[in-house]
C-alpha atoms as a PDB file:
ATOM      1  CA  MET A   1     -15.245   2.425 -94.923  1.00  0.00           C
ATOM      2  CA  MET A   2     -16.854  -0.709 -93.446  1.00  0.00           C
ATOM      3  CA  GLY A   3     -13.415  -2.281 -92.972  1.00  0.00           C
ATOM      4  CA  LEU A   4     -12.192   0.830 -91.141  1.00  0.00           C
ATOM      5  CA  SER A   5     -15.229   0.805 -88.819  1.00  0.00           C
ATOM      6  CA  GLN A   6     -14.665  -2.848 -87.953  1.00  0.00           C
ATOM      7  CA  THR A   7     -10.998  -2.140 -87.231  1.00  0.00           C
ATOM      8  CA  LEU A   8     -11.943   0.725 -84.895  1.00  0.00           C
ATOM      9  CA  LEU A   9     -14.507  -1.477 -83.143  1.00  0.00           C
ATOM     10  CA  VAL A  10     -11.945  -4.248 -82.547  1.00  0.00           C
ATOM     11  CA  TYR A  11      -9.438  -1.697 -81.261  1.00  0.00           C
ATOM     12  CA  ALA A  12     -12.025  -0.221 -78.867  1.00  0.00           C
ATOM     13  CA  LEU A  13     -12.943  -3.671 -77.526  1.00  0.00           C
ATOM     14  CA  MET A  14      -9.263  -4.501 -76.955  1.00  0.00           C
ATOM     15  CA  CYS A  15      -8.777  -1.254 -75.021  1.00  0.00           C
ATOM     16  CA  VAL A  16     -11.782  -2.018 -72.810  1.00  0.00           C
ATOM     17  CA  HIS A  17     -10.546  -5.583 -72.204  1.00  0.00           C
ATOM     18  CA  LEU A  18      -7.036  -4.423 -71.322  1.00  0.00           C
ATOM     19  CA  GLY A  19      -8.426  -1.752 -69.035  1.00  0.00           C
ATOM     20  CA  VAL A  20     -10.514  -4.286 -67.129  1.00  0.00           C
ATOM     21  CA  SER A  21      -7.644  -6.777 -66.973  1.00  0.00           C
ATOM     22  CA  GLN A  22      -5.178  -4.190 -65.705  1.00  0.00           C
ATOM     23  CA  HIS A  23      -7.668  -3.154 -63.038  1.00  0.00           C
ATOM     24  CA  TYR A  24      -7.265  -6.599 -61.507  1.00  0.00           C
ATOM     25  CA  LEU A  25      -4.045  -8.141 -62.790  1.00  0.00           C
ATOM     26  CA  ARG A  26      -1.506  -5.697 -61.423  1.00  0.00           C
ATOM     27  CA  LEU A  27       1.865  -7.387 -61.426  1.00  0.00           C
ATOM     28  CA  ARG A  28       3.252  -5.548 -58.437  1.00  0.00           C
ATOM     29  CA  PRO A  29       2.315  -2.754 -55.997  1.00  0.00           C
ATOM     30  CA  SER A  30       2.203   0.612 -57.782  1.00  0.00           C
ATOM     31  CA  PRO A  31       4.982   3.089 -56.845  1.00  0.00           C
ATOM     32  CA  SER A  32       3.761   5.099 -53.875  1.00  0.00           C
ATOM     33  CA  ASP A  33       5.010   7.171 -50.956  1.00  0.00           C
ATOM     34  CA  HIS A  34       2.403   5.487 -48.785  1.00  0.00           C
ATOM     35  CA  LEU A  35       3.674   2.380 -47.030  1.00  0.00           C
ATOM     36  CA  PRO A  36       2.870  -0.327 -46.172  1.00  0.00           C
ATOM     37  CA  VAL A  37       1.468  -1.370 -49.536  1.00  0.00           C
ATOM     38  CA  PRO A  38      -2.340  -1.839 -49.540  1.00  0.00           C
ATOM     39  CA  GLY A  39      -3.769  -5.146 -50.669  1.00  0.00           C
ATOM     40  CA  LEU A  40      -3.892  -5.679 -54.427  1.00  0.00           C
ATOM     41  CA  LYS A  41      -7.227  -6.013 -56.209  1.00  0.00           C
ATOM     42  CA  GLU A  42      -7.308  -9.472 -57.691  1.00  0.00           C
ATOM     43  CA  ASP A  43      -9.664 -10.967 -60.261  1.00  0.00           C
ATOM     44  CA  PRO A  44     -11.623 -13.592 -58.278  1.00  0.00           C
ATOM     45  CA  ASP A  45     -11.757 -15.923 -61.304  1.00  0.00           C
ATOM     46  CA  PRO A  46      -9.858 -19.123 -60.304  1.00  0.00           C
ATOM     47  CA  GLU A  47      -8.680 -19.342 -63.918  1.00  0.00           C
ATOM     48  CA  TYR A  48      -5.966 -16.891 -62.877  1.00  0.00           C
ATOM     49  CA  ASP A  49      -4.778 -19.061 -59.958  1.00  0.00           C
ATOM     50  CA  PRO A  50      -1.753 -21.370 -60.193  1.00  0.00           C
ATOM     51  CA  ARG A  51      -2.543 -25.086 -60.246  1.00  0.00           C
ATOM     52  CA  GLU A  52      -0.980 -27.719 -58.019  1.00  0.00           C
ATOM     53  CA  PRO A  53       1.760 -28.604 -60.585  1.00  0.00           C
ATOM     54  CA  ASP A  54       2.715 -24.903 -60.612  1.00  0.00           C
ATOM     55  CA  LEU A  55       3.334 -24.882 -56.846  1.00  0.00           C
ATOM     56  CA  VAL A  56       6.189 -27.384 -56.563  1.00  0.00           C
ATOM     57  CA  GLU A  57       8.372 -25.949 -53.814  1.00  0.00           C
ATOM     58  CA  ARG A  58      11.661 -27.244 -55.186  1.00  0.00           C
ATOM     59  CA  THR A  59      11.042 -25.634 -58.583  1.00  0.00           C
ATOM     60  CA  LEU A  60       9.933 -22.325 -57.094  1.00  0.00           C
ATOM     61  CA  ARG A  61      12.868 -22.159 -54.683  1.00  0.00           C
ATOM     62  CA  LYS A  62      15.215 -22.648 -57.612  1.00  0.00           C
ATOM     63  CA  ARG A  63      13.439 -19.914 -59.562  1.00  0.00           C
ATOM     64  CA  LEU A  64      13.625 -17.446 -56.662  1.00  0.00           C
ATOM     65  CA  GLY A  65      17.212 -18.390 -55.898  1.00  0.00           C
ATOM     66  CA  SER A  66      19.154 -16.290 -53.407  1.00  0.00           C
ATOM     67  CA  ASN A  67      16.262 -13.832 -53.157  1.00  0.00           C
ATOM     68  CA  PHE A  68      14.529 -16.149 -50.697  1.00  0.00           C
ATOM     69  CA  ASP A  69      14.714 -14.499 -47.254  1.00  0.00           C
ATOM     70  CA  PRO A  70      13.337 -16.738 -44.478  1.00  0.00           C
ATOM     71  CA  TYR A  71      13.157 -13.798 -42.061  1.00  0.00           C
ATOM     72  CA  PHE A  72      10.670 -11.892 -44.227  1.00  0.00           C
ATOM     73  CA  MET A  73       9.118 -14.820 -46.119  1.00  0.00           C
ATOM     74  CA  SER A  74       7.279 -18.002 -45.242  1.00  0.00           C
ATOM     75  CA  ILE A  75       6.095 -20.783 -47.543  1.00  0.00           C
ATOM     76  CA  SER A  76       3.599 -22.227 -45.061  1.00  0.00           C
ATOM     77  CA  SER A  77       1.167 -20.285 -42.903  1.00  0.00           C
ATOM     78  CA  PRO A  78       2.850 -18.750 -39.829  1.00  0.00           C
ATOM     79  CA  MET A  79      -0.407 -19.284 -37.913  1.00  0.00           C
ATOM     80  CA  LEU A  80       1.533 -21.514 -35.511  1.00  0.00           C
ATOM     81  CA  VAL A  81       3.299 -18.371 -34.287  1.00  0.00           C
ATOM     82  CA  ASN A  82       0.152 -16.237 -34.627  1.00  0.00           C
ATOM     83  CA  LEU A  83      -0.335 -14.597 -38.028  1.00  0.00           C
ATOM     84  CA  SER A  84      -1.505 -11.261 -36.599  1.00  0.00           C
ATOM     85  CA  ALA A  85       0.656 -10.902 -33.492  1.00  0.00           C
ATOM     86  CA  PRO A  86       2.933  -7.863 -33.921  1.00  0.00           C
ATOM     87  CA  GLU A  87       6.679  -8.196 -33.511  1.00  0.00           C
ATOM     88  CA  VAL A  88       7.949  -4.857 -32.210  1.00  0.00           C
ATOM     89  CA  GLN A  89      11.549  -3.677 -32.308  1.00  0.00           C
ATOM     90  CA  VAL A  90      11.362  -2.107 -28.839  1.00  0.00           C
ATOM     91  CA  LYS A  91      15.078  -2.029 -28.124  1.00  0.00           C
ATOM     92  CA  LEU A  92      16.848   1.149 -29.183  1.00  0.00           C
ATOM     93  CA  GLN A  93      18.924   0.126 -32.177  1.00  0.00           C
ATOM     94  CA  GLY A  94      21.947   1.655 -33.809  1.00  0.00           C
ATOM     95  CA  ALA A  95      23.684   4.885 -32.809  1.00  0.00           C
ATOM     96  CA  MET A  96      21.849   7.751 -31.194  1.00  0.00           C
ATOM     97  CA  PRO A  97      20.622  10.247 -33.843  1.00  0.00           C
ATOM     98  CA  ASN A  98      22.949  13.219 -34.326  1.00  0.00           C
ATOM     99  CA  GLU A  99      20.151  15.708 -33.704  1.00  0.00           C
ATOM    100  CA  LEU A 100      19.875  14.299 -30.175  1.00  0.00           C
ATOM    101  CA  LYS A 101      23.571  13.688 -29.620  1.00  0.00           C
ATOM    102  CA  ASN A 102      24.392  17.321 -30.460  1.00  0.00           C
ATOM    103  CA  LEU A 103      21.456  18.806 -28.549  1.00  0.00           C
ATOM    104  CA  ASP A 104      22.450  21.727 -26.304  1.00  0.00           C
ATOM    105  CA  LEU A 105      20.852  21.017 -22.928  1.00  0.00           C
ATOM    106  CA  THR A 106      22.492  23.924 -21.111  1.00  0.00           C
ATOM    107  CA  ALA A 107      20.852  26.804 -23.012  1.00  0.00           C
ATOM    108  CA  THR A 108      17.905  28.653 -21.418  1.00  0.00           C
ATOM    109  CA  PRO A 109      15.476  31.278 -22.760  1.00  0.00           C
ATOM    110  CA  TYR A 110      17.122  33.866 -20.483  1.00  0.00           C
ATOM    111  CA  GLY A 111      20.614  33.526 -21.907  1.00  0.00           C
ATOM    112  CA  LYS A 112      22.012  31.773 -18.877  1.00  0.00           C
ATOM    113  CA  ARG A 113      23.736  28.410 -19.010  1.00  0.00           C
ATOM    114  CA  LEU A 114      22.712  25.403 -16.972  1.00  0.00           C
ATOM    115  CA  LYS A 115      25.280  23.107 -15.464  1.00  0.00           C
ATOM    116  CA  MET A 116      24.819  19.434 -16.289  1.00  0.00           C
ATOM    117  CA  GLY A 117      27.242  16.640 -15.659  1.00  0.00           C
ATOM    118  CA  LYS A 118      28.129  14.067 -18.325  1.00  0.00           C
ATOM    119  CA  LYS A 119      26.268  11.284 -16.512  1.00  0.00           C
ATOM    120  CA  ALA A 120      23.079  13.346 -16.110  1.00  0.00           C
ATOM    121  CA  ARG A 121      23.289  14.482 -19.736  1.00  0.00           C
ATOM    122  CA  ARG A 122      23.714  10.890 -20.966  1.00  0.00           C
ATOM    123  CA  LYS A 123      20.724   9.666 -18.941  1.00  0.00           C
ATOM    124  CA  PHE A 124      18.508  12.525 -20.092  1.00  0.00           C
ATOM    125  CA  LEU A 125      19.415  11.979 -23.754  1.00  0.00           C
ATOM    126  CA  GLN A 126      18.693   8.246 -23.409  1.00  0.00           C
ATOM    127  CA  LEU A 127      15.286   9.081 -21.908  1.00  0.00           C
ATOM    128  CA  LEU A 128      14.561  11.566 -24.686  1.00  0.00           C
ATOM    129  CA  TRP A 129      15.654   9.035 -27.315  1.00  0.00           C
ATOM    130  CA  ALA A 130      13.382   6.363 -25.867  1.00  0.00           C
ATOM    131  CA  TYR A 131      10.461   8.820 -25.909  1.00  0.00           C
ATOM    132  CA  THR A 132      10.989   9.847 -29.537  1.00  0.00           C
ATOM    133  CA  TYR A 133      12.063   6.431 -30.830  1.00  0.00           C
ATOM    134  CA  CYS A 134       9.923   5.027 -33.650  1.00  0.00           C
ATOM    135  CA  PRO A 135      10.070   1.220 -33.766  1.00  0.00           C
ATOM    136  CA  VAL A 136       9.030  -0.887 -36.750  1.00  0.00           C
ATOM    137  CA  VAL A 137       6.121  -3.222 -35.964  1.00  0.00           C
ATOM    138  CA  TYR A 138       6.199  -6.416 -38.033  1.00  0.00           C
ATOM    139  CA  THR A 139       3.169  -8.607 -38.729  1.00  0.00           C
ATOM    140  CA  TRP A 140       2.708 -11.501 -41.134  1.00  0.00           C
ATOM    141  CA  LYS A 141       0.625 -10.751 -44.225  1.00  0.00           C
ATOM    142  CA  ASP A 142      -1.049 -13.282 -46.510  1.00  0.00           C
ATOM    143  CA  LEU A 143      -0.345 -12.158 -50.087  1.00  0.00           C
ATOM    144  CA  GLY A 144      -2.581 -14.830 -51.585  1.00  0.00           C
ATOM    145  CA  VAL A 145      -2.007 -17.856 -53.763  1.00  0.00           C
ATOM    146  CA  ARG A 146      -0.713 -15.749 -56.679  1.00  0.00           C
ATOM    147  CA  PHE A 147       2.452 -14.821 -54.778  1.00  0.00           C
ATOM    148  CA  TRP A 148       5.253 -17.139 -53.711  1.00  0.00           C
ATOM    149  CA  PRO A 149       6.234 -17.342 -50.966  1.00  0.00           C
ATOM    150  CA  ARG A 150       2.658 -16.581 -49.984  1.00  0.00           C
ATOM    151  CA  TYR A 151       3.385 -15.073 -46.559  1.00  0.00           C
ATOM    152  CA  MET A 152       5.406 -11.896 -45.995  1.00  0.00           C
ATOM    153  CA  LYS A 153       6.499 -10.081 -42.844  1.00  0.00           C
ATOM    154  CA  GLU A 154       5.184  -6.551 -43.326  1.00  0.00           C
ATOM    155  CA  GLY A 155       6.519  -3.501 -41.496  1.00  0.00           C
ATOM    156  CA  ASN A 156       4.411  -0.735 -39.948  1.00  0.00           C
ATOM    157  CA  CYS A 157       5.361   2.340 -37.946  1.00  0.00           C
ATOM    158  CA  PHE A 158       4.325   2.243 -34.296  1.00  0.00           C
ATOM    159  CA  SER A 159       1.523   4.756 -33.744  1.00  0.00           C
ATOM    160  CA  GLY A 160       0.570   4.319 -30.112  1.00  0.00           C
ATOM    161  CA  SER A 161       1.192   7.967 -29.168  1.00  0.00           C
ATOM    162  CA  SER A 162       2.959  11.132 -30.285  1.00  0.00           C
ATOM    163  CA  CYS A 163       6.741  10.770 -30.549  1.00  0.00           C
ATOM    164  CA  SER A 164       7.601  14.454 -30.030  1.00  0.00           C
ATOM    165  CA  PHE A 165       7.908  16.782 -27.072  1.00  0.00           C
ATOM    166  CA  PRO A 166       5.747  18.821 -27.079  1.00  0.00           C
ATOM    167  CA  GLN A 167       3.289  16.455 -28.754  1.00  0.00           C
ATOM    168  CA  GLY A 168       2.181  16.781 -32.365  1.00  0.00           C
ATOM    169  CA  MET A 169       4.542  14.649 -34.438  1.00  0.00           C
ATOM    170  CA  SER A 170       4.112  10.954 -35.224  1.00  0.00           C
ATOM    171  CA  CYS A 171       6.144   7.990 -36.454  1.00  0.00           C
ATOM    172  CA  LYS A 172       6.241   7.719 -40.250  1.00  0.00           C
ATOM    173  CA  PRO A 173       8.132   5.531 -42.769  1.00  0.00           C
ATOM    174  CA  ALA A 174      11.679   6.744 -43.422  1.00  0.00           C
ATOM    175  CA  LYS A 175      13.276   3.853 -45.320  1.00  0.00           C
ATOM    176  CA  SER A 176      12.152   0.706 -47.082  1.00  0.00           C
ATOM    177  CA  ILE A 177      13.781  -2.385 -48.504  1.00  0.00           C
ATOM    178  CA  ASN A 178      12.690  -4.359 -51.547  1.00  0.00           C
ATOM    179  CA  LYS A 179      12.183  -8.099 -51.330  1.00  0.00           C
ATOM    180  CA  VAL A 180      11.820 -10.205 -54.466  1.00  0.00           C
ATOM    181  CA  PHE A 181       8.810 -12.512 -54.672  1.00  0.00           C
ATOM    182  CA  LEU A 182       7.382 -14.656 -57.453  1.00  0.00           C
ATOM    183  CA  ARG A 183       4.131 -13.418 -58.966  1.00  0.00           C
ATOM    184  CA  TRP A 184       1.785 -15.663 -60.973  1.00  0.00           C
ATOM    185  CA  TYR A 185       0.991 -13.720 -64.146  1.00  0.00           C
ATOM    186  CA  CYS A 186      -1.492 -14.612 -66.874  1.00  0.00           C
ATOM    187  CA  GLN A 187      -1.821 -12.922 -70.243  1.00  0.00           C
ATOM    188  CA  GLY A 188      -3.516 -13.322 -73.581  1.00  0.00           C
ATOM    189  CA  PHE A 189      -7.107 -13.809 -74.755  1.00  0.00           C
ATOM    190  CA  SER A 190      -7.013 -17.575 -75.298  1.00  0.00           C
ATOM    191  CA  LYS A 191      -8.356 -20.242 -72.984  1.00  0.00           C
ATOM    192  CA  PRO A 192      -6.533 -21.656 -71.229  1.00  0.00           C
ATOM    193  CA  LYS A 193      -4.420 -18.518 -70.798  1.00  0.00           C
ATOM    194  CA  TYR A 194      -0.647 -18.478 -70.877  1.00  0.00           C
ATOM    195  CA  CYS A 195       0.519 -18.119 -67.265  1.00  0.00           C
ATOM    196  CA  THR A 196       3.936 -18.195 -65.638  1.00  0.00           C
ATOM    197  CA  TRP A 197       5.849 -17.107 -62.531  1.00  0.00           C
ATOM    198  CA  ILE A 198       7.759 -13.812 -62.793  1.00  0.00           C
ATOM    199  CA  GLN A 199       9.965 -12.021 -60.261  1.00  0.00           C
ATOM    200  CA  VAL A 200       8.588  -8.801 -58.731  1.00  0.00           C
ATOM    201  CA  GLN A 201       9.903  -6.455 -56.046  1.00  0.00           C
ATOM    202  CA  TYR A 202       7.792  -5.794 -52.962  1.00  0.00           C
ATOM    203  CA  PRO A 203       8.683  -2.804 -50.698  1.00  0.00           C
ATOM    204  CA  ILE A 204       8.779  -3.361 -46.927  1.00  0.00           C
ATOM    205  CA  ILE A 205       9.178  -0.618 -44.320  1.00  0.00           C
ATOM    206  CA  SER A 206      12.557  -1.010 -42.612  1.00  0.00           C
ATOM    207  CA  GLU A 207      12.881   2.253 -40.652  1.00  0.00           C
ATOM    208  CA  CYS A 208      10.513   4.805 -39.130  1.00  0.00           C
ATOM    209  CA  LYS A 209      11.226   8.346 -37.929  1.00  0.00           C
ATOM    210  CA  CYS A 210       9.397  10.958 -35.889  1.00  0.00           C
ATOM    211  CA  SER A 211       8.121  13.626 -38.275  1.00  0.00           C
ATOM    212  CA  CYS A 212       5.226  15.991 -39.034  1.00  0.00           C
END
């Protein structure tokens, strides 16, 4: 009976330890419909930080391989180009959405048809598209020393004003892309702990749309 009680006690302590560890040492952002990803809660203990020999750029580049994307990633601080300055995709990109392209501008509430030339229709649709367009705003984010590359270009949906006419709708994430980063991961109960770099996927907003 005593042996069983000790076994249960050890099991309970392990569960508590794992629960506390998992609270901090999340390998990657949890799956969520809410983007961009909020900052991860990290254990402040420097024991979980990579040491200088673990941060050799040549070794880490080789480990990340073709997943390294210089447009979305930076090894050194992008402070020289302003870490917080937003980069906005203001220019209308791609083809005009079908819901606008096929919009009937000649119909009226009274059943009559309005006459509109092709040039006037094209200009009005361009104006309407510019008003309802939802650009992606990119800013650099510091992921911390436990990610490599440490700096990531994060996407946000522009929220300066309503994107609908009449007003009421706003720009929200419509698509995202996954970028592979290296994550410093420690496990085990021993000291020093066993730590290594592992590949993790990090979602980044790539497209926004006007929606409720």
